[in-house]
Amino acid sequence: MFILLTALCCTAVLYALYQTLGSFWAERHAYQHARRHAHKTLHDQVLRQALQEADAAGLGGAFRAYVSGVMVVTGQVRLQVGQLLWIFEQLEQGKRFDPAQPVPRFTKV
């Protein structure tokens, strides 16, 4: 009975580890994929989805401030994929948009 219980516990721990690492690798792969396309302009549908996610997280106002601020500072009509990732990083760090802050520009490498 003890051996069966030990095997069951080990299986549960290994399964939880597998799930955690699987989601970590999937998220890491998606982020690296997005970074390879950082120089491309962002599709409107992706921007709308990002706005919905920011609203759901309670950061809609700060996200809108970043989007409009980046467009004004760079003079671009549309954001780049890398700039969207940069905005998310800034919001995760709790930073608010500052027009004096340099906005990254992404070029194809």
PDB file of N, CA and C in Angstrom:
ATOM      1  N   MET A   1       0.815  -1.192   0.000  1.00  0.00           N
ATOM      2  CA  MET A   1       0.000   0.000   0.000  1.00  0.00           C
ATOM      3  C   MET A   1       0.868   1.269   0.000  1.00  0.00           C
ATOM      4  N   PHE A   2       1.938   1.225   0.817  1.00  0.00           N
ATOM      5  CA  PHE A   2       2.833   2.374   0.891  1.00  0.00           C
ATOM      6  C   PHE A   2       3.493   2.642  -0.462  1.00  0.00           C
ATOM      7  N   ILE A   3       3.896   1.585  -1.151  1.00  0.00           N
ATOM      8  CA  ILE A   3       4.547   1.733  -2.449  1.00  0.00           C
ATOM      9  C   ILE A   3       3.577   2.331  -3.456  1.00  0.00           C
ATOM     10  N   LEU A   4       2.344   1.885  -3.437  1.00  0.00           N
ATOM     11  CA  LEU A   4       1.328   2.409  -4.347  1.00  0.00           C
ATOM     12  C   LEU A   4       1.068   3.891  -4.071  1.00  0.00           C
ATOM     13  N   LEU A   5       0.971   4.256  -2.805  1.00  0.00           N
ATOM     14  CA  LEU A   5       0.743   5.650  -2.422  1.00  0.00           C
ATOM     15  C   LEU A   5       1.931   6.530  -2.823  1.00  0.00           C
ATOM     16  N   THR A   6       3.143   6.026  -2.627  1.00  0.00           N
ATOM     17  CA  THR A   6       4.343   6.762  -3.012  1.00  0.00           C
ATOM     18  C   THR A   6       4.398   6.955  -4.525  1.00  0.00           C
ATOM     19  N   ALA A   7       4.079   5.914  -5.265  1.00  0.00           N
ATOM     20  CA  ALA A   7       4.073   6.009  -6.725  1.00  0.00           C
ATOM     21  C   ALA A   7       3.024   7.004  -7.199  1.00  0.00           C
ATOM     22  N   LEU A   8       1.877   7.013  -6.572  1.00  0.00           N
ATOM     23  CA  LEU A   8       0.813   7.948  -6.929  1.00  0.00           C
ATOM     24  C   LEU A   8       1.240   9.390  -6.654  1.00  0.00           C
ATOM     25  N   CYS A   9       1.877   9.626  -5.524  1.00  0.00           N
ATOM     26  CA  CYS A   9       2.360  10.975  -5.192  1.00  0.00           C
ATOM     27  C   CYS A   9       3.444  11.421  -6.169  1.00  0.00           C
ATOM     28  N   CYS A  10       4.361  10.524  -6.493  1.00  0.00           N
ATOM     29  CA  CYS A  10       5.422  10.863  -7.454  1.00  0.00           C
ATOM     30  C   CYS A  10       4.832  11.174  -8.822  1.00  0.00           C
ATOM     31  N   THR A  11       3.831  10.406  -9.219  1.00  0.00           N
ATOM     32  CA  THR A  11       3.176  10.648 -10.500  1.00  0.00           C
ATOM     33  C   THR A  11       2.500  12.013 -10.507  1.00  0.00           C
ATOM     34  N   ALA A  12       1.840  12.373  -9.414  1.00  0.00           N
ATOM     35  CA  ALA A  12       1.169  13.672  -9.328  1.00  0.00           C
ATOM     36  C   ALA A  12       2.181  14.812  -9.399  1.00  0.00           C
ATOM     37  N   VAL A  13       3.300  14.664  -8.723  1.00  0.00           N
ATOM     38  CA  VAL A  13       4.334  15.700  -8.742  1.00  0.00           C
ATOM     39  C   VAL A  13       4.934  15.828 -10.139  1.00  0.00           C
ATOM     40  N   LEU A  14       5.224  14.711 -10.777  1.00  0.00           N
ATOM     41  CA  LEU A  14       5.779  14.748 -12.130  1.00  0.00           C
ATOM     42  C   LEU A  14       4.795  15.350 -13.124  1.00  0.00           C
ATOM     43  N   TYR A  15       3.517  15.051 -12.975  1.00  0.00           N
ATOM     44  CA  TYR A  15       2.508  15.613 -13.870  1.00  0.00           C
ATOM     45  C   TYR A  15       2.412  17.133 -13.689  1.00  0.00           C
ATOM     46  N   ALA A  16       2.431  17.591 -12.444  1.00  0.00           N
ATOM     47  CA  ALA A  16       2.383  19.031 -12.181  1.00  0.00           C
ATOM     48  C   ALA A  16       3.620  19.721 -12.755  1.00  0.00           C
ATOM     49  N   LEU A  17       4.768  19.098 -12.621  1.00  0.00           N
ATOM     50  CA  LEU A  17       5.999  19.652 -13.178  1.00  0.00           C
ATOM     51  C   LEU A  17       5.926  19.706 -14.699  1.00  0.00           C
ATOM     52  N   TYR A  18       5.390  18.659 -15.299  1.00  0.00           N
ATOM     53  CA  TYR A  18       5.224  18.613 -16.754  1.00  0.00           C
ATOM     54  C   TYR A  18       4.305  19.737 -17.231  1.00  0.00           C
ATOM     55  N   GLN A  19       3.200  19.960 -16.536  1.00  0.00           N
ATOM     56  CA  GLN A  19       2.261  21.020 -16.911  1.00  0.00           C
ATOM     57  C   GLN A  19       2.914  22.395 -16.787  1.00  0.00           C
ATOM     58  N   THR A  20       3.639  22.610 -15.715  1.00  0.00           N
ATOM     59  CA  THR A  20       4.288  23.901 -15.488  1.00  0.00           C
ATOM     60  C   THR A  20       5.352  24.176 -16.547  1.00  0.00           C
ATOM     61  N   LEU A  21       6.204  23.199 -16.793  1.00  0.00           N
ATOM     62  CA  LEU A  21       7.256  23.390 -17.794  1.00  0.00           C
ATOM     63  C   LEU A  21       6.680  23.515 -19.195  1.00  0.00           C
ATOM     64  N   GLY A  22       5.613  22.775 -19.474  1.00  0.00           N
ATOM     65  CA  GLY A  22       4.982  22.861 -20.791  1.00  0.00           C
ATOM     66  C   GLY A  22       4.431  24.246 -21.059  1.00  0.00           C
ATOM     67  N   SER A  23       3.755  24.826 -20.085  1.00  0.00           N
ATOM     68  CA  SER A  23       3.218  26.175 -20.279  1.00  0.00           C
ATOM     69  C   SER A  23       4.344  27.208 -20.336  1.00  0.00           C
ATOM     70  N   PHE A  24       5.404  26.993 -19.554  1.00  0.00           N
ATOM     71  CA  PHE A  24       6.550  27.898 -19.595  1.00  0.00           C
ATOM     72  C   PHE A  24       7.192  27.892 -20.978  1.00  0.00           C
ATOM     73  N   TRP A  25       7.427  26.708 -21.539  1.00  0.00           N
ATOM     74  CA  TRP A  25       8.056  26.613 -22.854  1.00  0.00           C
ATOM     75  C   TRP A  25       7.166  27.194 -23.938  1.00  0.00           C
ATOM     76  N   ALA A  26       5.861  26.970 -23.833  1.00  0.00           N
ATOM     77  CA  ALA A  26       4.941  27.518 -24.835  1.00  0.00           C
ATOM     78  C   ALA A  26       4.948  29.041 -24.796  1.00  0.00           C
ATOM     79  N   GLU A  27       4.936  29.609 -23.593  1.00  0.00           N
ATOM     80  CA  GLU A  27       4.957  31.067 -23.457  1.00  0.00           C
ATOM     81  C   GLU A  27       6.287  31.635 -23.952  1.00  0.00           C
ATOM     82  N   ARG A  28       7.372  30.965 -23.634  1.00  0.00           N
ATOM     83  CA  ARG A  28       8.690  31.424 -24.071  1.00  0.00           C
ATOM     84  C   ARG A  28       8.801  31.376 -25.595  1.00  0.00           C
ATOM     85  N   HIS A  29       8.297  30.314 -26.189  1.00  0.00           N
ATOM     86  CA  HIS A  29       8.336  30.187 -27.647  1.00  0.00           C
ATOM     87  C   HIS A  29       7.510  31.293 -28.307  1.00  0.00           C
ATOM     88  N   ALA A  30       6.325  31.570 -27.771  1.00  0.00           N
ATOM     89  CA  ALA A  30       5.472  32.618 -28.336  1.00  0.00           C
ATOM     90  C   ALA A  30       6.150  33.984 -28.226  1.00  0.00           C
ATOM     91  N   TYR A  31       6.808  34.251 -27.099  1.00  0.00           N
ATOM     92  CA  TYR A  31       7.490  35.529 -26.911  1.00  0.00           C
ATOM     93  C   TYR A  31       8.658  35.667 -27.891  1.00  0.00           C
ATOM     94  N   GLN A  32       9.434  34.594 -28.069  1.00  0.00           N
ATOM     95  CA  GLN A  32      10.553  34.647 -29.012  1.00  0.00           C
ATOM     96  C   GLN A  32      10.053  34.821 -30.438  1.00  0.00           C
ATOM     97  N   HIS A  33       8.940  34.179 -30.765  1.00  0.00           N
ATOM     98  CA  HIS A  33       8.350  34.322 -32.095  1.00  0.00           C
ATOM     99  C   HIS A  33       7.944  35.781 -32.322  1.00  0.00           C
ATOM    100  N   ALA A  34       7.344  36.386 -31.316  1.00  0.00           N
ATOM    101  CA  ALA A  34       6.926  37.786 -31.435  1.00  0.00           C
ATOM    102  C   ALA A  34       8.139  38.707 -31.566  1.00  0.00           C
ATOM    103  N   ARG A  35       9.210  38.411 -30.856  1.00  0.00           N
ATOM    104  CA  ARG A  35      10.415  39.250 -30.941  1.00  0.00           C
ATOM    105  C   ARG A  35      11.043  39.196 -32.332  1.00  0.00           C
ATOM    106  N   ARG A  36      10.937  38.046 -33.002  1.00  0.00           N
ATOM    107  CA  ARG A  36      11.474  37.947 -34.365  1.00  0.00           C
ATOM    108  C   ARG A  36      10.697  38.837 -35.327  1.00  0.00           C
ATOM    109  N   HIS A  37       9.453  39.136 -34.985  1.00  0.00           N
ATOM    110  CA  HIS A  37       8.604  39.964 -35.837  1.00  0.00           C
ATOM    111  C   HIS A  37       8.426  41.368 -35.256  1.00  0.00           C
ATOM    112  N   ALA A  38       9.341  41.784 -34.393  1.00  0.00           N
ATOM    113  CA  ALA A  38       9.218  43.062 -33.692  1.00  0.00           C
ATOM    114  C   ALA A  38       9.194  44.257 -34.631  1.00  0.00           C
ATOM    115  N   HIS A  39       9.799  44.141 -35.793  1.00  0.00           N
ATOM    116  CA  HIS A  39       9.879  45.264 -36.729  1.00  0.00           C
ATOM    117  C   HIS A  39       8.600  45.448 -37.542  1.00  0.00           C
ATOM    118  N   LYS A  40       7.719  44.465 -37.539  1.00  0.00           N
ATOM    119  CA  LYS A  40       6.508  44.531 -38.365  1.00  0.00           C
ATOM    120  C   LYS A  40       5.446  45.401 -37.701  1.00  0.00           C
ATOM    121  N   THR A  41       4.590  45.994 -38.534  1.00  0.00           N
ATOM    122  CA  THR A  41       3.507  46.808 -37.976  1.00  0.00           C
ATOM    123  C   THR A  41       2.432  45.900 -37.399  1.00  0.00           C
ATOM    124  N   LEU A  42       1.779  46.410 -36.402  1.00  0.00           N
ATOM    125  CA  LEU A  42       0.785  45.651 -35.654  1.00  0.00           C
ATOM    126  C   LEU A  42      -0.558  45.705 -36.365  1.00  0.00           C
ATOM    127  N   HIS A  43      -1.206  44.568 -36.467  1.00  0.00           N
ATOM    128  CA  HIS A  43      -2.528  44.489 -37.086  1.00  0.00           C
ATOM    129  C   HIS A  43      -3.557  45.091 -36.126  1.00  0.00           C
ATOM    130  N   ASP A  44      -4.568  45.756 -36.666  1.00  0.00           N
ATOM    131  CA  ASP A  44      -5.586  46.412 -35.837  1.00  0.00           C
ATOM    132  C   ASP A  44      -6.303  45.437 -34.915  1.00  0.00           C
ATOM    133  N   GLN A  45      -6.545  44.227 -35.389  1.00  0.00           N
ATOM    134  CA  GLN A  45      -7.245  43.234 -34.575  1.00  0.00           C
ATOM    135  C   GLN A  45      -6.413  42.857 -33.349  1.00  0.00           C
ATOM    136  N   VAL A  46      -5.105  42.755 -33.512  1.00  0.00           N
ATOM    137  CA  VAL A  46      -4.223  42.435 -32.390  1.00  0.00           C
ATOM    138  C   VAL A  46      -4.234  43.577 -31.379  1.00  0.00           C
ATOM    139  N   LEU A  47      -4.243  44.809 -31.871  1.00  0.00           N
ATOM    140  CA  LEU A  47      -4.291  45.964 -30.974  1.00  0.00           C
ATOM    141  C   LEU A  47      -5.603  45.991 -30.195  1.00  0.00           C
ATOM    142  N   ARG A  48      -6.714  45.678 -30.861  1.00  0.00           N
ATOM    143  CA  ARG A  48      -8.007  45.623 -30.160  1.00  0.00           C
ATOM    144  C   ARG A  48      -8.008  44.540 -29.085  1.00  0.00           C
ATOM    145  N   GLN A  49      -7.431  43.385 -29.401  1.00  0.00           N
ATOM    146  CA  GLN A  49      -7.365  42.299 -28.426  1.00  0.00           C
ATOM    147  C   GLN A  49      -6.493  42.698 -27.236  1.00  0.00           C
ATOM    148  N   ALA A  50      -5.372  43.350 -27.504  1.00  0.00           N
ATOM    149  CA  ALA A  50      -4.498  43.811 -26.422  1.00  0.00           C
ATOM    150  C   ALA A  50      -5.215  44.838 -25.554  1.00  0.00           C
ATOM    151  N   LEU A  51      -6.007  45.697 -26.177  1.00  0.00           N
ATOM    152  CA  LEU A  51      -6.771  46.690 -25.431  1.00  0.00           C
ATOM    153  C   LEU A  51      -7.810  46.018 -24.537  1.00  0.00           C
ATOM    154  N   GLN A  52      -8.476  44.986 -25.045  1.00  0.00           N
ATOM    155  CA  GLN A  52      -9.450  44.249 -24.242  1.00  0.00           C
ATOM    156  C   GLN A  52      -8.775  43.583 -23.047  1.00  0.00           C
ATOM    157  N   GLU A  53      -7.590  43.011 -23.271  1.00  0.00           N
ATOM    158  CA  GLU A  53      -6.858  42.383 -22.171  1.00  0.00           C
ATOM    159  C   GLU A  53      -6.425  43.421 -21.139  1.00  0.00           C
ATOM    160  N   ALA A  54      -6.008  44.589 -21.600  1.00  0.00           N
ATOM    161  CA  ALA A  54      -5.609  45.653 -20.677  1.00  0.00           C
ATOM    162  C   ALA A  54      -6.814  46.146 -19.883  1.00  0.00           C
ATOM    163  N   ASP A  55      -7.967  46.278 -20.543  1.00  0.00           N
ATOM    164  CA  ASP A  55      -9.187  46.679 -19.836  1.00  0.00           C
ATOM    165  C   ASP A  55      -9.557  45.649 -18.775  1.00  0.00           C
ATOM    166  N   ALA A  56      -9.440  44.369 -19.122  1.00  0.00           N
ATOM    167  CA  ALA A  56      -9.777  43.303 -18.178  1.00  0.00           C
ATOM    168  C   ALA A  56      -8.844  43.318 -16.973  1.00  0.00           C
ATOM    169  N   ALA A  57      -7.596  43.738 -17.183  1.00  0.00           N
ATOM    170  CA  ALA A  57      -6.627  43.805 -16.088  1.00  0.00           C
ATOM    171  C   ALA A  57      -6.707  45.125 -15.326  1.00  0.00           C
ATOM    172  N   GLY A  58      -7.579  46.036 -15.775  1.00  0.00           N
ATOM    173  CA  GLY A  58      -7.710  47.326 -15.110  1.00  0.00           C
ATOM    174  C   GLY A  58      -6.657  48.337 -15.528  1.00  0.00           C
ATOM    175  N   LEU A  59      -5.978  48.081 -16.635  1.00  0.00           N
ATOM    176  CA  LEU A  59      -4.918  48.974 -17.103  1.00  0.00           C
ATOM    177  C   LEU A  59      -5.261  49.630 -18.432  1.00  0.00           C
ATOM    178  N   GLY A  60      -6.536  49.692 -18.762  1.00  0.00           N
ATOM    179  CA  GLY A  60      -6.958  50.231 -20.050  1.00  0.00           C
ATOM    180  C   GLY A  60      -6.530  51.665 -20.267  1.00  0.00           C
ATOM    181  N   GLY A  61      -6.689  52.508 -19.252  1.00  0.00           N
ATOM    182  CA  GLY A  61      -6.315  53.916 -19.383  1.00  0.00           C
ATOM    183  C   GLY A  61      -4.823  54.095 -19.592  1.00  0.00           C
ATOM    184  N   ALA A  62      -4.026  53.375 -18.816  1.00  0.00           N
ATOM    185  CA  ALA A  62      -2.571  53.466 -18.957  1.00  0.00           C
ATOM    186  C   ALA A  62      -2.123  52.913 -20.307  1.00  0.00           C
ATOM    187  N   PHE A  63      -2.781  51.840 -20.760  1.00  0.00           N
ATOM    188  CA  PHE A  63      -2.436  51.252 -22.061  1.00  0.00           C
ATOM    189  C   PHE A  63      -2.743  52.234 -23.183  1.00  0.00           C
ATOM    190  N   ARG A  64      -3.915  52.874 -23.118  1.00  0.00           N
ATOM    191  CA  ARG A  64      -4.286  53.860 -24.143  1.00  0.00           C
ATOM    192  C   ARG A  64      -3.311  55.038 -24.145  1.00  0.00           C
ATOM    193  N   ALA A  65      -2.880  55.454 -22.950  1.00  0.00           N
ATOM    194  CA  ALA A  65      -1.917  56.556 -22.859  1.00  0.00           C
ATOM    195  C   ALA A  65      -0.601  56.174 -23.528  1.00  0.00           C
ATOM    196  N   TYR A  66      -0.155  54.942 -23.309  1.00  0.00           N
ATOM    197  CA  TYR A  66       1.070  54.479 -23.960  1.00  0.00           C
ATOM    198  C   TYR A  66       0.913  54.431 -25.470  1.00  0.00           C
ATOM    199  N   VAL A  67      -0.196  53.864 -25.951  1.00  0.00           N
ATOM    200  CA  VAL A  67      -0.394  53.727 -27.399  1.00  0.00           C
ATOM    201  C   VAL A  67      -0.405  55.095 -28.071  1.00  0.00           C
ATOM    202  N   SER A  68      -1.214  56.014 -27.536  1.00  0.00           N
ATOM    203  CA  SER A  68      -1.278  57.341 -28.163  1.00  0.00           C
ATOM    204  C   SER A  68       0.047  58.084 -28.000  1.00  0.00           C
ATOM    205  N   GLY A  69       0.701  57.933 -26.858  1.00  0.00           N
ATOM    206  CA  GLY A  69       1.988  58.585 -26.639  1.00  0.00           C
ATOM    207  C   GLY A  69       3.066  58.080 -27.576  1.00  0.00           C
ATOM    208  N   VAL A  70       3.115  56.776 -27.782  1.00  0.00           N
ATOM    209  CA  VAL A  70       4.107  56.201 -28.694  1.00  0.00           C
ATOM    210  C   VAL A  70       3.861  56.698 -30.108  1.00  0.00           C
ATOM    211  N   MET A  71       2.600  56.777 -30.503  1.00  0.00           N
ATOM    212  CA  MET A  71       2.284  57.259 -31.854  1.00  0.00           C
ATOM    213  C   MET A  71       2.697  58.718 -32.031  1.00  0.00           C
ATOM    214  N   VAL A  72       2.489  59.533 -31.005  1.00  0.00           N
ATOM    215  CA  VAL A  72       2.863  60.949 -31.088  1.00  0.00           C
ATOM    216  C   VAL A  72       4.381  61.100 -31.112  1.00  0.00           C
ATOM    217  N   VAL A  73       5.073  60.402 -30.214  1.00  0.00           N
ATOM    218  CA  VAL A  73       6.527  60.536 -30.114  1.00  0.00           C
ATOM    219  C   VAL A  73       7.223  60.033 -31.375  1.00  0.00           C
ATOM    220  N   THR A  74       6.773  58.899 -31.909  1.00  0.00           N
ATOM    221  CA  THR A  74       7.435  58.323 -33.087  1.00  0.00           C
ATOM    222  C   THR A  74       6.921  58.898 -34.394  1.00  0.00           C
ATOM    223  N   GLY A  75       5.736  59.501 -34.374  1.00  0.00           N
ATOM    224  CA  GLY A  75       5.148  60.020 -35.595  1.00  0.00           C
ATOM    225  C   GLY A  75       4.560  58.940 -36.480  1.00  0.00           C
ATOM    226  N   GLN A  76       4.423  57.742 -35.937  1.00  0.00           N
ATOM    227  CA  GLN A  76       3.866  56.625 -36.694  1.00  0.00           C
ATOM    228  C   GLN A  76       2.358  56.560 -36.501  1.00  0.00           C
ATOM    229  N   VAL A  77       1.680  56.068 -37.521  1.00  0.00           N
ATOM    230  CA  VAL A  77       0.231  55.902 -37.434  1.00  0.00           C
ATOM    231  C   VAL A  77      -0.109  54.559 -36.799  1.00  0.00           C
ATOM    232  N   ARG A  78       0.781  53.589 -36.955  1.00  0.00           N
ATOM    233  CA  ARG A  78       0.547  52.252 -36.413  1.00  0.00           C
ATOM    234  C   ARG A  78       1.739  51.826 -35.566  1.00  0.00           C
ATOM    235  N   LEU A  79       1.452  51.033 -34.555  1.00  0.00           N
ATOM    236  CA  LEU A  79       2.504  50.514 -33.691  1.00  0.00           C
ATOM    237  C   LEU A  79       3.220  49.348 -34.351  1.00  0.00           C
ATOM    238  N   GLN A  80       4.418  49.085 -33.868  1.00  0.00           N
ATOM    239  CA  GLN A  80       5.148  47.896 -34.270  1.00  0.00           C
ATOM    240  C   GLN A  80       4.930  46.823 -33.203  1.00  0.00           C
ATOM    241  N   VAL A  81       5.127  45.569 -33.586  1.00  0.00           N
ATOM    242  CA  VAL A  81       4.953  44.456 -32.650  1.00  0.00           C
ATOM    243  C   VAL A  81       5.872  44.637 -31.446  1.00  0.00           C
ATOM    244  N   GLY A  82       7.108  45.027 -31.682  1.00  0.00           N
ATOM    245  CA  GLY A  82       8.062  45.236 -30.594  1.00  0.00           C
ATOM    246  C   GLY A  82       7.640  46.343 -29.644  1.00  0.00           C
ATOM    247  N   GLN A  83       7.011  47.379 -30.179  1.00  0.00           N
ATOM    248  CA  GLN A  83       6.544  48.466 -29.317  1.00  0.00           C
ATOM    249  C   GLN A  83       5.404  47.996 -28.419  1.00  0.00           C
ATOM    250  N   LEU A  84       4.546  47.113 -28.924  1.00  0.00           N
ATOM    251  CA  LEU A  84       3.479  46.556 -28.085  1.00  0.00           C
ATOM    252  C   LEU A  84       4.080  45.734 -26.948  1.00  0.00           C
ATOM    253  N   LEU A  85       5.088  44.920 -27.255  1.00  0.00           N
ATOM    254  CA  LEU A  85       5.758  44.150 -26.207  1.00  0.00           C
ATOM    255  C   LEU A  85       6.411  45.084 -25.189  1.00  0.00           C
ATOM    256  N   TRP A  86       7.014  46.174 -25.672  1.00  0.00           N
ATOM    257  CA  TRP A  86       7.640  47.149 -24.782  1.00  0.00           C
ATOM    258  C   TRP A  86       6.597  47.791 -23.866  1.00  0.00           C
ATOM    259  N   ILE A  87       5.426  48.114 -24.426  1.00  0.00           N
ATOM    260  CA  ILE A  87       4.351  48.707 -23.620  1.00  0.00           C
ATOM    261  C   ILE A  87       3.938  47.747 -22.514  1.00  0.00           C
ATOM    262  N   PHE A  88       3.770  46.467 -22.860  1.00  0.00           N
ATOM    263  CA  PHE A  88       3.394  45.480 -21.844  1.00  0.00           C
ATOM    264  C   PHE A  88       4.454  45.375 -20.755  1.00  0.00           C
ATOM    265  N   GLU A  89       5.734  45.403 -21.140  1.00  0.00           N
ATOM    266  CA  GLU A  89       6.808  45.346 -20.146  1.00  0.00           C
ATOM    267  C   GLU A  89       6.751  46.554 -19.214  1.00  0.00           C
ATOM    268  N   GLN A  90       6.494  47.737 -19.776  1.00  0.00           N
ATOM    269  CA  GLN A  90       6.416  48.951 -18.963  1.00  0.00           C
ATOM    270  C   GLN A  90       5.248  48.874 -17.982  1.00  0.00           C
ATOM    271  N   LEU A  91       4.097  48.394 -18.462  1.00  0.00           N
ATOM    272  CA  LEU A  91       2.923  48.291 -17.594  1.00  0.00           C
ATOM    273  C   LEU A  91       3.128  47.244 -16.502  1.00  0.00           C
ATOM    274  N   GLU A  92       3.813  46.141 -16.827  1.00  0.00           N
ATOM    275  CA  GLU A  92       4.091  45.117 -15.819  1.00  0.00           C
ATOM    276  C   GLU A  92       5.006  45.654 -14.726  1.00  0.00           C
ATOM    277  N   GLN A  93       5.879  46.597 -15.080  1.00  0.00           N
ATOM    278  CA  GLN A  93       6.778  47.201 -14.101  1.00  0.00           C
ATOM    279  C   GLN A  93       6.113  48.349 -13.344  1.00  0.00           C
ATOM    280  N   GLY A  94       4.854  48.653 -13.696  1.00  0.00           N
ATOM    281  CA  GLY A  94       4.121  49.710 -13.012  1.00  0.00           C
ATOM    282  C   GLY A  94       4.461  51.109 -13.487  1.00  0.00           C
ATOM    283  N   LYS A  95       5.116  51.237 -14.618  1.00  0.00           N
ATOM    284  CA  LYS A  95       5.502  52.553 -15.129  1.00  0.00           C
ATOM    285  C   LYS A  95       4.367  53.156 -15.946  1.00  0.00           C
ATOM    286  N   ARG A  96       4.226  54.454 -15.859  1.00  0.00           N
ATOM    287  CA  ARG A  96       3.248  55.191 -16.662  1.00  0.00           C
ATOM    288  C   ARG A  96       3.984  55.907 -17.782  1.00  0.00           C
ATOM    289  N   PHE A  97       3.263  56.265 -18.827  1.00  0.00           N
ATOM    290  CA  PHE A  97       3.913  56.877 -19.991  1.00  0.00           C
ATOM    291  C   PHE A  97       4.452  58.252 -19.651  1.00  0.00           C
ATOM    292  N   ASP A  98       5.673  58.486 -20.090  1.00  0.00           N
ATOM    293  CA  ASP A  98       6.336  59.774 -19.929  1.00  0.00           C
ATOM    294  C   ASP A  98       6.858  60.180 -21.308  1.00  0.00           C
ATOM    295  N   PRO A  99       6.384  61.319 -21.853  1.00  0.00           N
ATOM    296  CA  PRO A  99       6.824  61.724 -23.199  1.00  0.00           C
ATOM    297  C   PRO A  99       8.331  61.919 -23.321  1.00  0.00           C
ATOM    298  N   ALA A 100       9.007  62.181 -22.212  1.00  0.00           N
ATOM    299  CA  ALA A 100      10.459  62.360 -22.252  1.00  0.00           C
ATOM    300  C   ALA A 100      11.195  61.022 -22.325  1.00  0.00           C
ATOM    301  N   GLN A 101      10.486  59.948 -22.045  1.00  0.00           N
ATOM    302  CA  GLN A 101      11.081  58.614 -22.068  1.00  0.00           C
ATOM    303  C   GLN A 101      11.322  58.175 -23.519  1.00  0.00           C
ATOM    304  N   PRO A 102      12.495  57.641 -23.821  1.00  0.00           N
ATOM    305  CA  PRO A 102      12.747  57.199 -25.202  1.00  0.00           C
ATOM    306  C   PRO A 102      11.886  55.994 -25.560  1.00  0.00           C
ATOM    307  N   VAL A 103      11.311  56.035 -26.753  1.00  0.00           N
ATOM    308  CA  VAL A 103      10.476  54.941 -27.247  1.00  0.00           C
ATOM    309  C   VAL A 103      11.316  54.128 -28.224  1.00  0.00           C
ATOM    310  N   PRO A 104      11.425  52.824 -28.005  1.00  0.00           N
ATOM    311  CA  PRO A 104      12.259  52.023 -28.903  1.00  0.00           C
ATOM    312  C   PRO A 104      11.668  51.907 -30.302  1.00  0.00           C
ATOM    313  N   ARG A 105      12.546  51.885 -31.274  1.00  0.00           N
ATOM    314  CA  ARG A 105      12.148  51.635 -32.667  1.00  0.00           C
ATOM    315  C   ARG A 105      12.812  50.326 -33.072  1.00  0.00           C
ATOM    316  N   PHE A 106      12.091  49.538 -33.809  1.00  0.00           N
ATOM    317  CA  PHE A 106      12.575  48.213 -34.168  1.00  0.00           C
ATOM    318  C   PHE A 106      12.797  48.128 -35.669  1.00  0.00           C
ATOM    319  N   THR A 107      13.935  47.578 -36.034  1.00  0.00           N
ATOM    320  CA  THR A 107      14.260  47.380 -37.443  1.00  0.00           C
ATOM    321  C   THR A 107      14.533  45.902 -37.673  1.00  0.00           C
ATOM    322  N   LYS A 108      14.406  45.498 -38.904  1.00  0.00           N
ATOM    323  CA  LYS A 108      14.640  44.092 -39.242  1.00  0.00           C
ATOM    324  C   LYS A 108      16.126  43.796 -39.125  1.00  0.00           C
ATOM    325  N   VAL A 109      16.438  42.688 -38.446  1.00  0.00           N
ATOM    326  CA  VAL A 109      17.842  42.285 -38.286  1.00  0.00           C
ATOM    327  C   VAL A 109      18.160  41.089 -39.137  1.00  0.00           C
TER     328      VAL A 109
END
